[in-house]
Each structure stands twice: as structure tokens, then as C-alpha cells.
Amino acid sequence: MPLSLRIPKDKEKLLREYAEKTGKTKSTVIMEAVEEKLGIYKDRKTLVRELAGWMSQTEAVELRKSLSHFDEIHEDDWE
């Protein structure tokens, strides 16, 4: 459903910068913010926990290990 939203220039600039930094569209960032406010947004850790519920302990550990590189911060990525 299309929705028109007026955003002050200073907030639109922050939104645009955040979207570019995270590689997302402004629409995606806005939808995530709405979902978070409504309590329906699930971050990656929550989703992994839910998905791991049907896995064996060994499979869950392997999944956690394979996703651990997403938690690493490389200074070169911020330049």
C-alpha cells in the first residue's frame, strides 16, 4: 500500500546516510523502524534463535559459528 510521508530535511539526510551505510533502501530502513516500533521486527540474532529451535545442539553450534563473521568489525570497512 503506497504511503506518503513528509520527513524534515535533516532527518531525511540522516535516513539517506544510514541507508547508504547499511546498503539498504530508504524504504527498507523506514519499514524496519515501523516494524521495530510495532514490536514485530526481528533482528538477525532473534531469527537465528528461532530457526535454531528445530536444530540439534550440534547444528545450532555450527550455524552460530558460520554466522559469527557478521559480528566482526573491520576498520577498513568504515573508511
PDB file of N, CA and C in Angstrom:
ATOM      1  N   MET A   1       0.841  -1.167   0.000  1.00  0.00           N
ATOM      2  CA  MET A   1       0.000   0.000   0.000  1.00  0.00           C
ATOM      3  C   MET A   1       0.893   1.239   0.000  1.00  0.00           C
ATOM      4  N   PRO A   2       0.734   2.107  -0.970  1.00  0.00           N
ATOM      5  CA  PRO A   2       1.536   3.329  -1.009  1.00  0.00           C
ATOM      6  C   PRO A   2       1.183   4.257   0.151  1.00  0.00           C
ATOM      7  N   LEU A   3       2.192   4.945   0.651  1.00  0.00           N
ATOM      8  CA  LEU A   3       2.011   5.872   1.754  1.00  0.00           C
ATOM      9  C   LEU A   3       2.927   7.064   1.522  1.00  0.00           C
ATOM     10  N   SER A   4       2.389   8.239   1.691  1.00  0.00           N
ATOM     11  CA  SER A   4       3.194   9.451   1.545  1.00  0.00           C
ATOM     12  C   SER A   4       3.645   9.889   2.923  1.00  0.00           C
ATOM     13  N   LEU A   5       4.918  10.219   3.048  1.00  0.00           N
ATOM     14  CA  LEU A   5       5.474  10.594   4.336  1.00  0.00           C
ATOM     15  C   LEU A   5       6.354  11.822   4.157  1.00  0.00           C
ATOM     16  N   ARG A   6       6.080  12.859   4.916  1.00  0.00           N
ATOM     17  CA  ARG A   6       6.904  14.070   4.861  1.00  0.00           C
ATOM     18  C   ARG A   6       7.949  13.991   5.976  1.00  0.00           C
ATOM     19  N   ILE A   7       9.198  14.075   5.572  1.00  0.00           N
ATOM     20  CA  ILE A   7      10.298  13.959   6.524  1.00  0.00           C
ATOM     21  C   ILE A   7      11.107  15.250   6.461  1.00  0.00           C
ATOM     22  N   PRO A   8      11.378  15.867   7.619  1.00  0.00           N
ATOM     23  CA  PRO A   8      12.216  17.076   7.622  1.00  0.00           C
ATOM     24  C   PRO A   8      13.560  16.796   6.963  1.00  0.00           C
ATOM     25  N   LYS A   9      14.115  17.819   6.329  1.00  0.00           N
ATOM     26  CA  LYS A   9      15.359  17.652   5.563  1.00  0.00           C
ATOM     27  C   LYS A   9      16.493  17.067   6.400  1.00  0.00           C
ATOM     28  N   ASP A  10      16.609  17.504   7.653  1.00  0.00           N
ATOM     29  CA  ASP A  10      17.717  16.999   8.472  1.00  0.00           C
ATOM     30  C   ASP A  10      17.544  15.499   8.762  1.00  0.00           C
ATOM     31  N   LYS A  11      16.327  15.060   8.972  1.00  0.00           N
ATOM     32  CA  LYS A  11      16.083  13.638   9.221  1.00  0.00           C
ATOM     33  C   LYS A  11      16.189  12.831   7.927  1.00  0.00           C
ATOM     34  N   GLU A  12      15.803  13.412   6.816  1.00  0.00           N
ATOM     35  CA  GLU A  12      15.933  12.719   5.531  1.00  0.00           C
ATOM     36  C   GLU A  12      17.407  12.500   5.212  1.00  0.00           C
ATOM     37  N   LYS A  13      18.232  13.477   5.550  1.00  0.00           N
ATOM     38  CA  LYS A  13      19.676  13.343   5.324  1.00  0.00           C
ATOM     39  C   LYS A  13      20.227  12.191   6.166  1.00  0.00           C
ATOM     40  N   LEU A  14      19.838  12.127   7.439  1.00  0.00           N
ATOM     41  CA  LEU A  14      20.276  11.030   8.306  1.00  0.00           C
ATOM     42  C   LEU A  14      19.784   9.690   7.780  1.00  0.00           C
ATOM     43  N   LEU A  15      18.536   9.670   7.322  1.00  0.00           N
ATOM     44  CA  LEU A  15      17.953   8.446   6.768  1.00  0.00           C
ATOM     45  C   LEU A  15      18.725   7.992   5.539  1.00  0.00           C
ATOM     46  N   ARG A  16      18.999   8.906   4.637  1.00  0.00           N
ATOM     47  CA  ARG A  16      19.738   8.589   3.414  1.00  0.00           C
ATOM     48  C   ARG A  16      21.139   8.074   3.738  1.00  0.00           C
ATOM     49  N   GLU A  17      21.834   8.750   4.662  1.00  0.00           N
ATOM     50  CA  GLU A  17      23.182   8.339   5.037  1.00  0.00           C
ATOM     51  C   GLU A  17      23.180   6.950   5.672  1.00  0.00           C
ATOM     52  N   TYR A  18      22.201   6.701   6.539  1.00  0.00           N
ATOM     53  CA  TYR A  18      22.108   5.399   7.182  1.00  0.00           C
ATOM     54  C   TYR A  18      21.824   4.310   6.148  1.00  0.00           C
ATOM     55  N   ALA A  19      20.914   4.586   5.235  1.00  0.00           N
ATOM     56  CA  ALA A  19      20.575   3.615   4.193  1.00  0.00           C
ATOM     57  C   ALA A  19      21.803   3.295   3.337  1.00  0.00           C
ATOM     58  N   GLU A  20      22.540   4.307   2.962  1.00  0.00           N
ATOM     59  CA  GLU A  20      23.748   4.088   2.155  1.00  0.00           C
ATOM     60  C   GLU A  20      24.785   3.280   2.928  1.00  0.00           C
ATOM     61  N   LYS A  21      24.966   3.622   4.204  1.00  0.00           N
ATOM     62  CA  LYS A  21      25.961   2.934   5.035  1.00  0.00           C
ATOM     63  C   LYS A  21      25.625   1.457   5.219  1.00  0.00           C
ATOM     64  N   THR A  22      24.334   1.152   5.333  1.00  0.00           N
ATOM     65  CA  THR A  22      23.924  -0.231   5.567  1.00  0.00           C
ATOM     66  C   THR A  22      23.600  -0.986   4.286  1.00  0.00           C
ATOM     67  N   GLY A  23      23.639  -0.277   3.146  1.00  0.00           N
ATOM     68  CA  GLY A  23      23.353  -0.928   1.871  1.00  0.00           C
ATOM     69  C   GLY A  23      21.879  -1.248   1.686  1.00  0.00           C
ATOM     70  N   LYS A  24      21.029  -0.496   2.352  1.00  0.00           N
ATOM     71  CA  LYS A  24      19.593  -0.712   2.249  1.00  0.00           C
ATOM     72  C   LYS A  24      18.942   0.479   1.562  1.00  0.00           C
ATOM     73  N   THR A  25      17.712   0.287   1.126  1.00  0.00           N
ATOM     74  CA  THR A  25      16.961   1.415   0.576  1.00  0.00           C
ATOM     75  C   THR A  25      16.351   2.197   1.727  1.00  0.00           C
ATOM     76  N   LYS A  26      15.995   3.444   1.460  1.00  0.00           N
ATOM     77  CA  LYS A  26      15.327   4.247   2.486  1.00  0.00           C
ATOM     78  C   LYS A  26      14.014   3.585   2.893  1.00  0.00           C
ATOM     79  N   SER A  27      13.303   3.014   1.935  1.00  0.00           N
ATOM     80  CA  SER A  27      12.033   2.337   2.243  1.00  0.00           C
ATOM     81  C   SER A  27      12.249   1.171   3.202  1.00  0.00           C
ATOM     82  N   THR A  28      13.313   0.414   2.978  1.00  0.00           N
ATOM     83  CA  THR A  28      13.613  -0.714   3.864  1.00  0.00           C
ATOM     84  C   THR A  28      13.909  -0.233   5.274  1.00  0.00           C
ATOM     85  N   VAL A  29      14.699   0.820   5.398  1.00  0.00           N
ATOM     86  CA  VAL A  29      15.032   1.366   6.711  1.00  0.00           C
ATOM     87  C   VAL A  29      13.766   1.841   7.421  1.00  0.00           C
ATOM     88  N   ILE A  30      12.899   2.510   6.693  1.00  0.00           N
ATOM     89  CA  ILE A  30      11.647   3.005   7.279  1.00  0.00           C
ATOM     90  C   ILE A  30      10.778   1.835   7.718  1.00  0.00           C
ATOM     91  N   MET A  31      10.660   0.804   6.875  1.00  0.00           N
ATOM     92  CA  MET A  31       9.847  -0.358   7.236  1.00  0.00           C
ATOM     93  C   MET A  31      10.410  -1.070   8.470  1.00  0.00           C
ATOM     94  N   GLU A  32      11.730  -1.187   8.556  1.00  0.00           N
ATOM     95  CA  GLU A  32      12.329  -1.803   9.734  1.00  0.00           C
ATOM     96  C   GLU A  32      12.026  -0.988  10.985  1.00  0.00           C
ATOM     97  N   ALA A  33      12.070   0.341  10.867  1.00  0.00           N
ATOM     98  CA  ALA A  33      11.773   1.208  12.010  1.00  0.00           C
ATOM     99  C   ALA A  33      10.316   1.056  12.439  1.00  0.00           C
ATOM    100  N   VAL A  34       9.406   0.983  11.480  1.00  0.00           N
ATOM    101  CA  VAL A  34       7.982   0.797  11.797  1.00  0.00           C
ATOM    102  C   VAL A  34       7.779  -0.552  12.471  1.00  0.00           C
ATOM    103  N   GLU A  35       8.379  -1.603  11.908  1.00  0.00           N
ATOM    104  CA  GLU A  35       8.238  -2.939  12.482  1.00  0.00           C
ATOM    105  C   GLU A  35       8.825  -2.999  13.893  1.00  0.00           C
ATOM    106  N   GLU A  36       9.949  -2.330  14.087  1.00  0.00           N
ATOM    107  CA  GLU A  36      10.562  -2.305  15.421  1.00  0.00           C
ATOM    108  C   GLU A  36       9.645  -1.595  16.418  1.00  0.00           C
ATOM    109  N   LYS A  37       9.087  -0.476  16.017  1.00  0.00           N
ATOM    110  CA  LYS A  37       8.187   0.274  16.898  1.00  0.00           C
ATOM    111  C   LYS A  37       6.940  -0.538  17.230  1.00  0.00           C
ATOM    112  N   LEU A  38       6.446  -1.311  16.265  1.00  0.00           N
ATOM    113  CA  LEU A  38       5.257  -2.134  16.482  1.00  0.00           C
ATOM    114  C   LEU A  38       5.574  -3.439  17.213  1.00  0.00           C
ATOM    115  N   GLY A  39       6.856  -3.702  17.410  1.00  0.00           N
ATOM    116  CA  GLY A  39       7.249  -4.906  18.120  1.00  0.00           C
ATOM    117  C   GLY A  39       7.246  -6.155  17.258  1.00  0.00           C
ATOM    118  N   ILE A  40       7.300  -5.983  15.927  1.00  0.00           N
ATOM    119  CA  ILE A  40       7.282  -7.145  15.043  1.00  0.00           C
ATOM    120  C   ILE A  40       8.592  -7.331  14.286  1.00  0.00           C
ATOM    121  N   TYR A  41       9.552  -6.419  14.490  1.00  0.00           N
ATOM    122  CA  TYR A  41      10.846  -6.527  13.821  1.00  0.00           C
ATOM    123  C   TYR A  41      11.698  -7.565  14.545  1.00  0.00           C
ATOM    124  N   LYS A  42      12.322  -8.426  13.794  1.00  0.00           N
ATOM    125  CA  LYS A  42      13.194  -9.435  14.378  1.00  0.00           C
ATOM    126  C   LYS A  42      14.591  -9.246  13.815  1.00  0.00           C
ATOM    127  N   ASP A  43      15.527  -8.997  14.702  1.00  0.00           N
ATOM    128  CA  ASP A  43      16.904  -8.842  14.245  1.00  0.00           C
ATOM    129  C   ASP A  43      17.495 -10.219  13.929  1.00  0.00           C
ATOM    130  N   ARG A  44      18.693 -10.215  13.395  1.00  0.00           N
ATOM    131  CA  ARG A  44      19.336 -11.445  12.950  1.00  0.00           C
ATOM    132  C   ARG A  44      19.488 -12.454  14.085  1.00  0.00           C
ATOM    133  N   LYS A  45      19.877 -11.990  15.264  1.00  0.00           N
ATOM    134  CA  LYS A  45      20.074 -12.917  16.382  1.00  0.00           C
ATOM    135  C   LYS A  45      18.768 -13.593  16.777  1.00  0.00           C
ATOM    136  N   THR A  46      17.683 -12.835  16.786  1.00  0.00           N
ATOM    137  CA  THR A  46      16.380 -13.411  17.131  1.00  0.00           C
ATOM    138  C   THR A  46      15.968 -14.440  16.095  1.00  0.00           C
ATOM    139  N   LEU A  47      16.148 -14.119  14.826  1.00  0.00           N
ATOM    140  CA  LEU A  47      15.789 -15.061  13.773  1.00  0.00           C
ATOM    141  C   LEU A  47      16.604 -16.343  13.859  1.00  0.00           C
ATOM    142  N   VAL A  48      17.902 -16.205  14.133  1.00  0.00           N
ATOM    143  CA  VAL A  48      18.759 -17.392  14.247  1.00  0.00           C
ATOM    144  C   VAL A  48      18.290 -18.253  15.409  1.00  0.00           C
ATOM    145  N   ARG A  49      17.966 -17.612  16.544  1.00  0.00           N
ATOM    146  CA  ARG A  49      17.471 -18.377  17.701  1.00  0.00           C
ATOM    147  C   ARG A  49      16.203 -19.146  17.361  1.00  0.00           C
ATOM    148  N   GLU A  50      15.288 -18.480  16.652  1.00  0.00           N
ATOM    149  CA  GLU A  50      14.034 -19.139  16.285  1.00  0.00           C
ATOM    150  C   GLU A  50      14.276 -20.291  15.315  1.00  0.00           C
ATOM    151  N   LEU A  51      15.138 -20.056  14.329  1.00  0.00           N
ATOM    152  CA  LEU A  51      15.434 -21.111  13.361  1.00  0.00           C
ATOM    153  C   LEU A  51      16.185 -22.263  14.004  1.00  0.00           C
ATOM    154  N   ALA A  52      17.051 -21.955  14.941  1.00  0.00           N
ATOM    155  CA  ALA A  52      17.862 -22.990  15.581  1.00  0.00           C
ATOM    156  C   ALA A  52      17.028 -23.874  16.499  1.00  0.00           C
ATOM    157  N   GLY A  53      15.809 -23.461  16.816  1.00  0.00           N
ATOM    158  CA  GLY A  53      14.956 -24.238  17.703  1.00  0.00           C
ATOM    159  C   GLY A  53      14.673 -25.635  17.181  1.00  0.00           C
ATOM    160  N   TRP A  54      14.651 -25.832  15.892  1.00  0.00           N
ATOM    161  CA  TRP A  54      14.388 -27.155  15.326  1.00  0.00           C
ATOM    162  C   TRP A  54      15.669 -27.928  15.044  1.00  0.00           C
ATOM    163  N   MET A  55      16.820 -27.306  15.294  1.00  0.00           N
ATOM    164  CA  MET A  55      18.095 -27.955  15.022  1.00  0.00           C
ATOM    165  C   MET A  55      18.596 -28.710  16.244  1.00  0.00           C
ATOM    166  N   SER A  56      19.461 -29.634  15.978  1.00  0.00           N
ATOM    167  CA  SER A  56      20.149 -30.302  17.083  1.00  0.00           C
ATOM    168  C   SER A  56      21.148 -29.315  17.679  1.00  0.00           C
ATOM    169  N   GLN A  57      21.669 -29.629  18.854  1.00  0.00           N
ATOM    170  CA  GLN A  57      22.661 -28.769  19.501  1.00  0.00           C
ATOM    171  C   GLN A  57      23.880 -28.588  18.598  1.00  0.00           C
ATOM    172  N   THR A  58      24.325 -29.665  17.973  1.00  0.00           N
ATOM    173  CA  THR A  58      25.488 -29.606  17.086  1.00  0.00           C
ATOM    174  C   THR A  58      25.216 -28.696  15.890  1.00  0.00           C
ATOM    175  N   GLU A  59      24.040 -28.835  15.276  1.00  0.00           N
ATOM    176  CA  GLU A  59      23.684 -27.993  14.135  1.00  0.00           C
ATOM    177  C   GLU A  59      23.591 -26.526  14.535  1.00  0.00           C
ATOM    178  N   ALA A  60      23.043 -26.249  15.711  1.00  0.00           N
ATOM    179  CA  ALA A  60      22.921 -24.872  16.191  1.00  0.00           C
ATOM    180  C   ALA A  60      24.293 -24.244  16.408  1.00  0.00           C
ATOM    181  N   VAL A  61      25.222 -25.026  16.967  1.00  0.00           N
ATOM    182  CA  VAL A  61      26.582 -24.533  17.186  1.00  0.00           C
ATOM    183  C   VAL A  61      27.253 -24.237  15.845  1.00  0.00           C
ATOM    184  N   GLU A  62      27.085 -25.114  14.874  1.00  0.00           N
ATOM    185  CA  GLU A  62      27.664 -24.900  13.547  1.00  0.00           C
ATOM    186  C   GLU A  62      27.071 -23.660  12.880  1.00  0.00           C
ATOM    187  N   LEU A  63      25.771 -23.472  13.011  1.00  0.00           N
ATOM    188  CA  LEU A  63      25.127 -22.277  12.447  1.00  0.00           C
ATOM    189  C   LEU A  63      25.681 -21.026  13.104  1.00  0.00           C
ATOM    190  N   ARG A  64      25.805 -21.038  14.419  1.00  0.00           N
ATOM    191  CA  ARG A  64      26.338 -19.882  15.139  1.00  0.00           C
ATOM    192  C   ARG A  64      27.760 -19.582  14.678  1.00  0.00           C
ATOM    193  N   LYS A  65      28.574 -20.604  14.517  1.00  0.00           N
ATOM    194  CA  LYS A  65      29.954 -20.409  14.054  1.00  0.00           C
ATOM    195  C   LYS A  65      29.980 -19.819  12.642  1.00  0.00           C
ATOM    196  N   SER A  66      29.132 -20.336  11.766  1.00  0.00           N
ATOM    197  CA  SER A  66      29.144 -19.874  10.378  1.00  0.00           C
ATOM    198  C   SER A  66      28.655 -18.432  10.246  1.00  0.00           C
ATOM    199  N   LEU A  67      27.879 -17.961  11.209  1.00  0.00           N
ATOM    200  CA  LEU A  67      27.373 -16.582  11.159  1.00  0.00           C
ATOM    201  C   LEU A  67      28.220 -15.618  11.979  1.00  0.00           C
ATOM    202  N   SER A  68      29.198 -16.110  12.699  1.00  0.00           N
ATOM    203  CA  SER A  68      29.977 -15.263  13.605  1.00  0.00           C
ATOM    204  C   SER A  68      30.742 -14.161  12.882  1.00  0.00           C
ATOM    205  N   HIS A  69      31.112 -14.376  11.628  1.00  0.00           N
ATOM    206  CA  HIS A  69      31.864 -13.337  10.914  1.00  0.00           C
ATOM    207  C   HIS A  69      31.032 -12.067  10.715  1.00  0.00           C
ATOM    208  N   PHE A  70      29.702 -12.151  10.824  1.00  0.00           N
ATOM    209  CA  PHE A  70      28.857 -10.955  10.712  1.00  0.00           C
ATOM    210  C   PHE A  70      29.003 -10.049  11.934  1.00  0.00           C
ATOM    211  N   ASP A  71      29.530 -10.578  13.031  1.00  0.00           N
ATOM    212  CA  ASP A  71      29.721  -9.795  14.243  1.00  0.00           C
ATOM    213  C   ASP A  71      31.077  -9.104  14.284  1.00  0.00           C
ATOM    214  N   GLU A  72      31.927  -9.405  13.329  1.00  0.00           N
ATOM    215  CA  GLU A  72      33.264  -8.816  13.298  1.00  0.00           C
ATOM    216  C   GLU A  72      33.221  -7.416  12.687  1.00  0.00           C
ATOM    217  N   ILE A  73      34.028  -6.531  13.241  1.00  0.00           N
ATOM    218  CA  ILE A  73      34.126  -5.167  12.716  1.00  0.00           C
ATOM    219  C   ILE A  73      35.535  -4.989  12.167  1.00  0.00           C
ATOM    220  N   HIS A  74      35.604  -4.574  10.926  1.00  0.00           N
ATOM    221  CA  HIS A  74      36.884  -4.312  10.283  1.00  0.00           C
ATOM    222  C   HIS A  74      36.999  -2.814  10.046  1.00  0.00           C
ATOM    223  N   GLU A  75      38.006  -2.212  10.597  1.00  0.00           N
ATOM    224  CA  GLU A  75      38.180  -0.768  10.497  1.00  0.00           C
ATOM    225  C   GLU A  75      38.220  -0.277   9.046  1.00  0.00           C
ATOM    226  N   ASP A  76      38.744  -1.098   8.132  1.00  0.00           N
ATOM    227  CA  ASP A  76      38.827  -0.708   6.720  1.00  0.00           C
ATOM    228  C   ASP A  76      37.443  -0.492   6.112  1.00  0.00           C
ATOM    229  N   ASP A  77      36.428  -1.151   6.657  1.00  0.00           N
ATOM    230  CA  ASP A  77      35.075  -1.001   6.131  1.00  0.00           C
ATOM    231  C   ASP A  77      34.482   0.365   6.443  1.00  0.00           C
ATOM    232  N   TRP A  78      35.061   1.096   7.380  1.00  0.00           N
ATOM    233  CA  TRP A  78      34.493   2.379   7.825  1.00  0.00           C
ATOM    234  C   TRP A  78      35.195   3.566   7.196  1.00  0.00           C
ATOM    235  N   GLU A  79      36.105   3.339   6.296  1.00  0.00           N
ATOM    236  CA  GLU A  79      36.816   4.463   5.671  1.00  0.00           C
ATOM    237  C   GLU A  79      36.143   4.896   4.404  1.00  0.00           C
TER     238      GLU A  79
END
